[in-house]
Amino acid sequence: MKRSNITRKDLAKAINEKLGFSQRSAEEIIDTVFSTMKSTLINGESIKLVHFGTLGVRKKSPRRGRNPRTGEAMEISSRSMVNFKPSKGLRMKINS
């Protein structure tokens, strides 16, 4: 079974086919949605997409780690990460 990634172009094509927007307009819609999502996450806010899931920013504190090549102990700096929590409905559909 071959798996492939869905791209922005694929999303724009789906909008074009289902809603009848031109390809260029569909691409602008996709770009607007993603830029809004980026700015929301950068501001530290979460994004709740009903029947899909929630995207949020999680802060990770610094910790001790090891360089896998050398085995040398090192400090891993604090950072922020985007996390995704799928909705209950999506989890159920994926697992069935």
PDB file of N, CA and C in Angstrom:
ATOM      1  N   MET A   1       0.847  -1.174   0.000  1.00  0.00           N
ATOM      2  CA  MET A   1       0.000   0.000   0.000  1.00  0.00           C
ATOM      3  C   MET A   1       0.896   1.241   0.000  1.00  0.00           C
ATOM      4  N   LYS A   2       0.674   2.081  -0.984  1.00  0.00           N
ATOM      5  CA  LYS A   2       1.471   3.303  -1.105  1.00  0.00           C
ATOM      6  C   LYS A   2       0.761   4.444  -0.386  1.00  0.00           C
ATOM      7  N   ARG A   3       1.488   5.141   0.456  1.00  0.00           N
ATOM      8  CA  ARG A   3       0.939   6.303   1.157  1.00  0.00           C
ATOM      9  C   ARG A   3       1.617   7.553   0.636  1.00  0.00           C
ATOM     10  N   SER A   4       0.849   8.608   0.527  1.00  0.00           N
ATOM     11  CA  SER A   4       1.440   9.869   0.099  1.00  0.00           C
ATOM     12  C   SER A   4       0.928  10.982   0.997  1.00  0.00           C
ATOM     13  N   ASN A   5       1.622  12.071   0.975  1.00  0.00           N
ATOM     14  CA  ASN A   5       1.224  13.238   1.751  1.00  0.00           C
ATOM     15  C   ASN A   5       0.240  14.071   0.963  1.00  0.00           C
ATOM     16  N   ILE A   6      -0.650  14.733   1.661  1.00  0.00           N
ATOM     17  CA  ILE A   6      -1.546  15.679   1.002  1.00  0.00           C
ATOM     18  C   ILE A   6      -0.868  17.045   1.062  1.00  0.00           C
ATOM     19  N   THR A   7      -0.884  17.747  -0.048  1.00  0.00           N
ATOM     20  CA  THR A   7      -0.195  19.033  -0.134  1.00  0.00           C
ATOM     21  C   THR A   7      -1.199  20.177  -0.187  1.00  0.00           C
ATOM     22  N   ARG A   8      -0.682  21.389  -0.107  1.00  0.00           N
ATOM     23  CA  ARG A   8      -1.534  22.573  -0.234  1.00  0.00           C
ATOM     24  C   ARG A   8      -2.239  22.579  -1.587  1.00  0.00           C
ATOM     25  N   LYS A   9      -1.518  22.131  -2.593  1.00  0.00           N
ATOM     26  CA  LYS A   9      -2.089  22.093  -3.934  1.00  0.00           C
ATOM     27  C   LYS A   9      -3.260  21.100  -3.988  1.00  0.00           C
ATOM     28  N   ASP A  10      -3.117  19.958  -3.299  1.00  0.00           N
ATOM     29  CA  ASP A  10      -4.207  18.978  -3.237  1.00  0.00           C
ATOM     30  C   ASP A  10      -5.426  19.563  -2.535  1.00  0.00           C
ATOM     31  N   LEU A  11      -5.198  20.315  -1.452  1.00  0.00           N
ATOM     32  CA  LEU A  11      -6.306  20.949  -0.738  1.00  0.00           C
ATOM     33  C   LEU A  11      -7.004  21.977  -1.634  1.00  0.00           C
ATOM     34  N   ALA A  12      -6.214  22.764  -2.349  1.00  0.00           N
ATOM     35  CA  ALA A  12      -6.788  23.769  -3.248  1.00  0.00           C
ATOM     36  C   ALA A  12      -7.586  23.097  -4.360  1.00  0.00           C
ATOM     37  N   LYS A  13      -7.095  21.979  -4.862  1.00  0.00           N
ATOM     38  CA  LYS A  13      -7.805  21.255  -5.913  1.00  0.00           C
ATOM     39  C   LYS A  13      -9.143  20.722  -5.393  1.00  0.00           C
ATOM     40  N   ALA A  14      -9.154  20.247  -4.136  1.00  0.00           N
ATOM     41  CA  ALA A  14     -10.397  19.751  -3.539  1.00  0.00           C
ATOM     42  C   ALA A  14     -11.410  20.881  -3.384  1.00  0.00           C
ATOM     43  N   ILE A  15     -10.952  22.049  -2.962  1.00  0.00           N
ATOM     44  CA  ILE A  15     -11.848  23.213  -2.839  1.00  0.00           C
ATOM     45  C   ILE A  15     -12.378  23.599  -4.217  1.00  0.00           C
ATOM     46  N   ASN A  16     -11.511  23.571  -5.199  1.00  0.00           N
ATOM     47  CA  ASN A  16     -11.906  23.888  -6.571  1.00  0.00           C
ATOM     48  C   ASN A  16     -12.989  22.928  -7.067  1.00  0.00           C
ATOM     49  N   GLU A  17     -12.812  21.646  -6.836  1.00  0.00           N
ATOM     50  CA  GLU A  17     -13.767  20.644  -7.319  1.00  0.00           C
ATOM     51  C   GLU A  17     -15.080  20.656  -6.544  1.00  0.00           C
ATOM     52  N   LYS A  18     -15.016  20.786  -5.227  1.00  0.00           N
ATOM     53  CA  LYS A  18     -16.232  20.688  -4.403  1.00  0.00           C
ATOM     54  C   LYS A  18     -17.033  21.986  -4.371  1.00  0.00           C
ATOM     55  N   LEU A  19     -16.340  23.132  -4.324  1.00  0.00           N
ATOM     56  CA  LEU A  19     -17.039  24.406  -4.149  1.00  0.00           C
ATOM     57  C   LEU A  19     -17.069  25.270  -5.396  1.00  0.00           C
ATOM     58  N   GLY A  20     -16.290  24.903  -6.414  1.00  0.00           N
ATOM     59  CA  GLY A  20     -16.329  25.639  -7.668  1.00  0.00           C
ATOM     60  C   GLY A  20     -15.508  26.910  -7.707  1.00  0.00           C
ATOM     61  N   PHE A  21     -14.673  27.152  -6.703  1.00  0.00           N
ATOM     62  CA  PHE A  21     -13.791  28.314  -6.745  1.00  0.00           C
ATOM     63  C   PHE A  21     -12.710  28.069  -7.790  1.00  0.00           C
ATOM     64  N   SER A  22     -12.153  29.141  -8.331  1.00  0.00           N
ATOM     65  CA  SER A  22     -11.031  28.980  -9.254  1.00  0.00           C
ATOM     66  C   SER A  22      -9.839  28.428  -8.479  1.00  0.00           C
ATOM     67  N   GLN A  23      -8.895  27.835  -9.196  1.00  0.00           N
ATOM     68  CA  GLN A  23      -7.709  27.262  -8.553  1.00  0.00           C
ATOM     69  C   GLN A  23      -6.937  28.338  -7.790  1.00  0.00           C
ATOM     70  N   ARG A  24      -6.811  29.517  -8.373  1.00  0.00           N
ATOM     71  CA  ARG A  24      -6.084  30.616  -7.726  1.00  0.00           C
ATOM     72  C   ARG A  24      -6.796  31.062  -6.449  1.00  0.00           C
ATOM     73  N   SER A  25      -8.133  31.199  -6.502  1.00  0.00           N
ATOM     74  CA  SER A  25      -8.892  31.597  -5.313  1.00  0.00           C
ATOM     75  C   SER A  25      -8.793  30.540  -4.223  1.00  0.00           C
ATOM     76  N   ALA A  26      -8.837  29.273  -4.628  1.00  0.00           N
ATOM     77  CA  ALA A  26      -8.727  28.183  -3.664  1.00  0.00           C
ATOM     78  C   ALA A  26      -7.360  28.206  -2.973  1.00  0.00           C
ATOM     79  N   GLU A  27      -6.302  28.487  -3.739  1.00  0.00           N
ATOM     80  CA  GLU A  27      -4.962  28.587  -3.148  1.00  0.00           C
ATOM     81  C   GLU A  27      -4.880  29.750  -2.172  1.00  0.00           C
ATOM     82  N   GLU A  28      -5.520  30.874  -2.501  1.00  0.00           N
ATOM     83  CA  GLU A  28      -5.537  32.023  -1.592  1.00  0.00           C
ATOM     84  C   GLU A  28      -6.282  31.687  -0.297  1.00  0.00           C
ATOM     85  N   ILE A  29      -7.364  30.935  -0.412  1.00  0.00           N
ATOM     86  CA  ILE A  29      -8.120  30.520   0.772  1.00  0.00           C
ATOM     87  C   ILE A  29      -7.238  29.658   1.672  1.00  0.00           C
ATOM     88  N   ILE A  30      -6.564  28.691   1.078  1.00  0.00           N
ATOM     89  CA  ILE A  30      -5.679  27.802   1.841  1.00  0.00           C
ATOM     90  C   ILE A  30      -4.572  28.616   2.512  1.00  0.00           C
ATOM     91  N   ASP A  31      -3.941  29.513   1.778  1.00  0.00           N
ATOM     92  CA  ASP A  31      -2.867  30.342   2.343  1.00  0.00           C
ATOM     93  C   ASP A  31      -3.376  31.203   3.497  1.00  0.00           C
ATOM     94  N   THR A  32      -4.576  31.761   3.356  1.00  0.00           N
ATOM     95  CA  THR A  32      -5.158  32.582   4.417  1.00  0.00           C
ATOM     96  C   THR A  32      -5.433  31.758   5.668  1.00  0.00           C
ATOM     97  N   VAL A  33      -5.980  30.570   5.479  1.00  0.00           N
ATOM     98  CA  VAL A  33      -6.278  29.691   6.625  1.00  0.00           C
ATOM     99  C   VAL A  33      -4.984  29.353   7.362  1.00  0.00           C
ATOM    100  N   PHE A  34      -3.949  28.938   6.618  1.00  0.00           N
ATOM    101  CA  PHE A  34      -2.703  28.550   7.270  1.00  0.00           C
ATOM    102  C   PHE A  34      -1.991  29.734   7.918  1.00  0.00           C
ATOM    103  N   SER A  35      -2.013  30.898   7.301  1.00  0.00           N
ATOM    104  CA  SER A  35      -1.353  32.056   7.921  1.00  0.00           C
ATOM    105  C   SER A  35      -2.087  32.474   9.193  1.00  0.00           C
ATOM    106  N   THR A  36      -3.422  32.369   9.192  1.00  0.00           N
ATOM    107  CA  THR A  36      -4.183  32.675  10.406  1.00  0.00           C
ATOM    108  C   THR A  36      -3.856  31.676  11.510  1.00  0.00           C
ATOM    109  N   MET A  37      -3.745  30.405  11.138  1.00  0.00           N
ATOM    110  CA  MET A  37      -3.401  29.385  12.129  1.00  0.00           C
ATOM    111  C   MET A  37      -1.999  29.629  12.698  1.00  0.00           C
ATOM    112  N   LYS A  38      -1.049  29.961  11.824  1.00  0.00           N
ATOM    113  CA  LYS A  38       0.318  30.235  12.279  1.00  0.00           C
ATOM    114  C   LYS A  38       0.352  31.396  13.268  1.00  0.00           C
ATOM    115  N   SER A  39      -0.297  32.508  12.912  1.00  0.00           N
ATOM    116  CA  SER A  39      -0.246  33.678  13.787  1.00  0.00           C
ATOM    117  C   SER A  39      -0.939  33.395  15.117  1.00  0.00           C
ATOM    118  N   THR A  40      -2.017  32.612  15.095  1.00  0.00           N
ATOM    119  CA  THR A  40      -2.703  32.257  16.341  1.00  0.00           C
ATOM    120  C   THR A  40      -1.793  31.437  17.240  1.00  0.00           C
ATOM    121  N   LEU A  41      -1.109  30.446  16.689  1.00  0.00           N
ATOM    122  CA  LEU A  41      -0.202  29.618  17.477  1.00  0.00           C
ATOM    123  C   LEU A  41       1.006  30.408  17.963  1.00  0.00           C
ATOM    124  N   ILE A  42       1.528  31.312  17.141  1.00  0.00           N
ATOM    125  CA  ILE A  42       2.661  32.147  17.546  1.00  0.00           C
ATOM    126  C   ILE A  42       2.284  33.017  18.738  1.00  0.00           C
ATOM    127  N   ASN A  43       1.019  33.465  18.779  1.00  0.00           N
ATOM    128  CA  ASN A  43       0.541  34.267  19.909  1.00  0.00           C
ATOM    129  C   ASN A  43       0.251  33.424  21.146  1.00  0.00           C
ATOM    130  N   GLY A  44       0.462  32.112  21.057  1.00  0.00           N
ATOM    131  CA  GLY A  44       0.276  31.238  22.211  1.00  0.00           C
ATOM    132  C   GLY A  44      -1.161  30.794  22.432  1.00  0.00           C
ATOM    133  N   GLU A  45      -2.034  31.062  21.487  1.00  0.00           N
ATOM    134  CA  GLU A  45      -3.434  30.672  21.615  1.00  0.00           C
ATOM    135  C   GLU A  45      -3.642  29.291  20.990  1.00  0.00           C
ATOM    136  N   SER A  46      -4.701  28.609  21.401  1.00  0.00           N
ATOM    137  CA  SER A  46      -4.996  27.308  20.809  1.00  0.00           C
ATOM    138  C   SER A  46      -6.055  27.460  19.728  1.00  0.00           C
ATOM    139  N   ILE A  47      -6.130  26.453  18.866  1.00  0.00           N
ATOM    140  CA  ILE A  47      -7.085  26.438  17.760  1.00  0.00           C
ATOM    141  C   ILE A  47      -7.952  25.202  17.935  1.00  0.00           C
ATOM    142  N   LYS A  48      -9.254  25.405  18.072  1.00  0.00           N
ATOM    143  CA  LYS A  48     -10.176  24.286  18.219  1.00  0.00           C
ATOM    144  C   LYS A  48     -10.975  24.139  16.929  1.00  0.00           C
ATOM    145  N   LEU A  49     -10.812  23.006  16.277  1.00  0.00           N
ATOM    146  CA  LEU A  49     -11.543  22.694  15.054  1.00  0.00           C
ATOM    147  C   LEU A  49     -12.547  21.598  15.397  1.00  0.00           C
ATOM    148  N   VAL A  50     -13.823  21.960  15.466  1.00  0.00           N
ATOM    149  CA  VAL A  50     -14.874  21.043  15.880  1.00  0.00           C
ATOM    150  C   VAL A  50     -14.891  19.824  14.953  1.00  0.00           C
ATOM    151  N   HIS A  51     -15.054  18.662  15.521  1.00  0.00           N
ATOM    152  CA  HIS A  51     -15.069  17.364  14.827  1.00  0.00           C
ATOM    153  C   HIS A  51     -13.711  17.000  14.237  1.00  0.00           C
ATOM    154  N   PHE A  52     -12.656  17.729  14.572  1.00  0.00           N
ATOM    155  CA  PHE A  52     -11.315  17.398  14.087  1.00  0.00           C
ATOM    156  C   PHE A  52     -10.328  17.295  15.240  1.00  0.00           C
ATOM    157  N   GLY A  53     -10.161  18.389  15.996  1.00  0.00           N
ATOM    158  CA  GLY A  53      -9.243  18.354  17.124  1.00  0.00           C
ATOM    159  C   GLY A  53      -8.797  19.748  17.523  1.00  0.00           C
ATOM    160  N   THR A  54      -7.831  19.774  18.441  1.00  0.00           N
ATOM    161  CA  THR A  54      -7.315  21.030  18.969  1.00  0.00           C
ATOM    162  C   THR A  54      -5.809  21.101  18.768  1.00  0.00           C
ATOM    163  N   LEU A  55      -5.342  22.231  18.242  1.00  0.00           N
ATOM    164  CA  LEU A  55      -3.920  22.513  18.123  1.00  0.00           C
ATOM    165  C   LEU A  55      -3.564  23.512  19.215  1.00  0.00           C
ATOM    166  N   GLY A  56      -2.476  23.264  19.912  1.00  0.00           N
ATOM    167  CA  GLY A  56      -2.065  24.170  20.970  1.00  0.00           C
ATOM    168  C   GLY A  56      -0.560  24.258  21.066  1.00  0.00           C
ATOM    169  N   VAL A  57      -0.080  25.201  21.847  1.00  0.00           N
ATOM    170  CA  VAL A  57       1.349  25.383  22.063  1.00  0.00           C
ATOM    171  C   VAL A  57       1.661  24.911  23.474  1.00  0.00           C
ATOM    172  N   ARG A  58       2.655  24.065  23.591  1.00  0.00           N
ATOM    173  CA  ARG A  58       3.058  23.531  24.884  1.00  0.00           C
ATOM    174  C   ARG A  58       4.508  23.937  25.148  1.00  0.00           C
ATOM    175  N   LYS A  59       4.768  24.423  26.334  1.00  0.00           N
ATOM    176  CA  LYS A  59       6.124  24.823  26.709  1.00  0.00           C
ATOM    177  C   LYS A  59       6.823  23.632  27.363  1.00  0.00           C
ATOM    178  N   LYS A  60       8.033  23.342  26.887  1.00  0.00           N
ATOM    179  CA  LYS A  60       8.827  22.269  27.476  1.00  0.00           C
ATOM    180  C   LYS A  60       9.983  22.907  28.247  1.00  0.00           C
ATOM    181  N   SER A  61      10.181  22.455  29.443  1.00  0.00           N
ATOM    182  CA  SER A  61      11.245  23.017  30.272  1.00  0.00           C
ATOM    183  C   SER A  61      12.592  22.387  29.901  1.00  0.00           C
ATOM    184  N   PRO A  62      13.685  23.049  30.280  1.00  0.00           N
ATOM    185  CA  PRO A  62      15.006  22.492  29.958  1.00  0.00           C
ATOM    186  C   PRO A  62      15.224  21.176  30.706  1.00  0.00           C
ATOM    187  N   ARG A  63      16.033  20.304  30.106  1.00  0.00           N
ATOM    188  CA  ARG A  63      16.294  19.015  30.744  1.00  0.00           C
ATOM    189  C   ARG A  63      17.658  18.496  30.321  1.00  0.00           C
ATOM    190  N   ARG A  64      18.115  17.493  31.046  1.00  0.00           N
ATOM    191  CA  ARG A  64      19.386  16.854  30.721  1.00  0.00           C
ATOM    192  C   ARG A  64      19.137  15.799  29.650  1.00  0.00           C
ATOM    193  N   GLY A  65      20.051  15.672  28.714  1.00  0.00           N
ATOM    194  CA  GLY A  65      19.943  14.673  27.667  1.00  0.00           C
ATOM    195  C   GLY A  65      21.320  14.175  27.275  1.00  0.00           C
ATOM    196  N   ARG A  66      21.362  13.326  26.283  1.00  0.00           N
ATOM    197  CA  ARG A  66      22.639  12.783  25.797  1.00  0.00           C
ATOM    198  C   ARG A  66      22.717  12.929  24.285  1.00  0.00           C
ATOM    199  N   ASN A  67      23.925  13.227  23.818  1.00  0.00           N
ATOM    200  CA  ASN A  67      24.192  13.229  22.386  1.00  0.00           C
ATOM    201  C   ASN A  67      24.254  11.759  21.960  1.00  0.00           C
ATOM    202  N   PRO A  68      23.385  11.308  21.052  1.00  0.00           N
ATOM    203  CA  PRO A  68      23.370   9.892  20.697  1.00  0.00           C
ATOM    204  C   PRO A  68      24.642   9.408  19.992  1.00  0.00           C
ATOM    205  N   ARG A  69      25.362  10.299  19.345  1.00  0.00           N
ATOM    206  CA  ARG A  69      26.603   9.901  18.666  1.00  0.00           C
ATOM    207  C   ARG A  69      27.747   9.684  19.640  1.00  0.00           C
ATOM    208  N   THR A  70      27.904  10.643  20.561  1.00  0.00           N
ATOM    209  CA  THR A  70      29.059  10.593  21.453  1.00  0.00           C
ATOM    210  C   THR A  70      28.720  10.072  22.843  1.00  0.00           C
ATOM    211  N   GLY A  71      27.456  10.065  23.210  1.00  0.00           N
ATOM    212  CA  GLY A  71      27.072   9.654  24.559  1.00  0.00           C
ATOM    213  C   GLY A  71      27.312  10.750  25.590  1.00  0.00           C
ATOM    214  N   GLU A  72      27.774  11.903  25.134  1.00  0.00           N
ATOM    215  CA  GLU A  72      28.097  13.029  26.019  1.00  0.00           C
ATOM    216  C   GLU A  72      26.814  13.651  26.578  1.00  0.00           C
ATOM    217  N   ALA A  73      26.809  13.923  27.891  1.00  0.00           N
ATOM    218  CA  ALA A  73      25.661  14.567  28.526  1.00  0.00           C
ATOM    219  C   ALA A  73      25.596  16.023  28.087  1.00  0.00           C
ATOM    220  N   MET A  74      24.379  16.521  27.914  1.00  0.00           N
ATOM    221  CA  MET A  74      24.209  17.906  27.492  1.00  0.00           C
ATOM    222  C   MET A  74      22.883  18.439  28.016  1.00  0.00           C
ATOM    223  N   GLU A  75      22.760  19.747  27.988  1.00  0.00           N
ATOM    224  CA  GLU A  75      21.533  20.409  28.425  1.00  0.00           C
ATOM    225  C   GLU A  75      20.666  20.687  27.201  1.00  0.00           C
ATOM    226  N   ILE A  76      19.408  20.226  27.238  1.00  0.00           N
ATOM    227  CA  ILE A  76      18.456  20.512  26.169  1.00  0.00           C
ATOM    228  C   ILE A  76      17.674  21.739  26.609  1.00  0.00           C
ATOM    229  N   SER A  77      17.725  22.773  25.803  1.00  0.00           N
ATOM    230  CA  SER A  77      17.127  24.058  26.185  1.00  0.00           C
ATOM    231  C   SER A  77      15.600  23.996  26.200  1.00  0.00           C
ATOM    232  N   SER A  78      14.991  24.963  26.879  1.00  0.00           N
ATOM    233  CA  SER A  78      13.529  25.043  26.900  1.00  0.00           C
ATOM    234  C   SER A  78      13.043  25.468  25.526  1.00  0.00           C
ATOM    235  N   ARG A  79      11.842  25.027  25.197  1.00  0.00           N
ATOM    236  CA  ARG A  79      11.301  25.357  23.875  1.00  0.00           C
ATOM    237  C   ARG A  79       9.790  25.213  23.898  1.00  0.00           C
ATOM    238  N   SER A  80       9.170  25.717  22.875  1.00  0.00           N
ATOM    239  CA  SER A  80       7.728  25.584  22.708  1.00  0.00           C
ATOM    240  C   SER A  80       7.470  24.624  21.561  1.00  0.00           C
ATOM    241  N   MET A  81       6.437  23.812  21.716  1.00  0.00           N
ATOM    242  CA  MET A  81       6.097  22.837  20.687  1.00  0.00           C
ATOM    243  C   MET A  81       4.610  22.906  20.389  1.00  0.00           C
ATOM    244  N   VAL A  82       4.261  22.629  19.156  1.00  0.00           N
ATOM    245  CA  VAL A  82       2.850  22.548  18.776  1.00  0.00           C
ATOM    246  C   VAL A  82       2.401  21.122  19.037  1.00  0.00           C
ATOM    247  N   ASN A  83       1.274  20.980  19.728  1.00  0.00           N
ATOM    248  CA  ASN A  83       0.725  19.647  19.934  1.00  0.00           C
ATOM    249  C   ASN A  83      -0.688  19.588  19.390  1.00  0.00           C
ATOM    250  N   PHE A  84      -1.095  18.384  19.011  1.00  0.00           N
ATOM    251  CA  PHE A  84      -2.418  18.169  18.433  1.00  0.00           C
ATOM    252  C   PHE A  84      -3.135  17.112  19.252  1.00  0.00           C
ATOM    253  N   LYS A  85      -4.357  17.429  19.647  1.00  0.00           N
ATOM    254  CA  LYS A  85      -5.190  16.469  20.359  1.00  0.00           C
ATOM    255  C   LYS A  85      -6.416  16.222  19.485  1.00  0.00           C
ATOM    256  N   PRO A  86      -6.530  15.022  18.910  1.00  0.00           N
ATOM    257  CA  PRO A  86      -7.670  14.748  18.038  1.00  0.00           C
ATOM    258  C   PRO A  86      -8.977  14.699  18.820  1.00  0.00           C
ATOM    259  N   SER A  87     -10.066  15.014  18.142  1.00  0.00           N
ATOM    260  CA  SER A  87     -11.379  14.945  18.781  1.00  0.00           C
ATOM    261  C   SER A  87     -11.742  13.482  19.005  1.00  0.00           C
ATOM    262  N   LYS A  88     -12.684  13.265  19.890  1.00  0.00           N
ATOM    263  CA  LYS A  88     -13.126  11.906  20.201  1.00  0.00           C
ATOM    264  C   LYS A  88     -13.663  11.215  18.948  1.00  0.00           C
ATOM    265  N   GLY A  89     -14.452  11.943  18.154  1.00  0.00           N
ATOM    266  CA  GLY A  89     -15.007  11.376  16.928  1.00  0.00           C
ATOM    267  C   GLY A  89     -13.936  10.967  15.938  1.00  0.00           C
ATOM    268  N   LEU A  90     -12.901  11.800  15.765  1.00  0.00           N
ATOM    269  CA  LEU A  90     -11.815  11.481  14.854  1.00  0.00           C
ATOM    270  C   LEU A  90     -11.044  10.262  15.344  1.00  0.00           C
ATOM    271  N   ARG A  91     -10.754  10.208  16.655  1.00  0.00           N
ATOM    272  CA  ARG A  91     -10.068   9.049  17.213  1.00  0.00           C
ATOM    273  C   ARG A  91     -10.843   7.762  16.966  1.00  0.00           C
ATOM    274  N   MET A  92     -12.164   7.837  17.163  1.00  0.00           N
ATOM    275  CA  MET A  92     -13.002   6.650  16.960  1.00  0.00           C
ATOM    276  C   MET A  92     -12.989   6.205  15.497  1.00  0.00           C
ATOM    277  N   LYS A  93     -13.042   7.164  14.567  1.00  0.00           N
ATOM    278  CA  LYS A  93     -13.026   6.804  13.136  1.00  0.00           C
ATOM    279  C   LYS A  93     -11.673   6.215  12.723  1.00  0.00           C
ATOM    280  N   ILE A  94     -10.588   6.762  13.253  1.00  0.00           N
ATOM    281  CA  ILE A  94      -9.249   6.252  12.927  1.00  0.00           C
ATOM    282  C   ILE A  94      -9.073   4.836  13.465  1.00  0.00           C
ATOM    283  N   ASN A  95      -9.575   4.581  14.665  1.00  0.00           N
ATOM    284  CA  ASN A  95      -9.381   3.290  15.309  1.00  0.00           C
ATOM    285  C   ASN A  95     -10.389   2.221  14.892  1.00  0.00           C
ATOM    286  N   SER A  96     -11.370   2.574  14.088  1.00  0.00           N
ATOM    287  CA  SER A  96     -12.345   1.552  13.683  1.00  0.00           C
ATOM    288  C   SER A  96     -11.998   0.932  12.355  1.00  0.00           C
TER     289      SER A  96
END
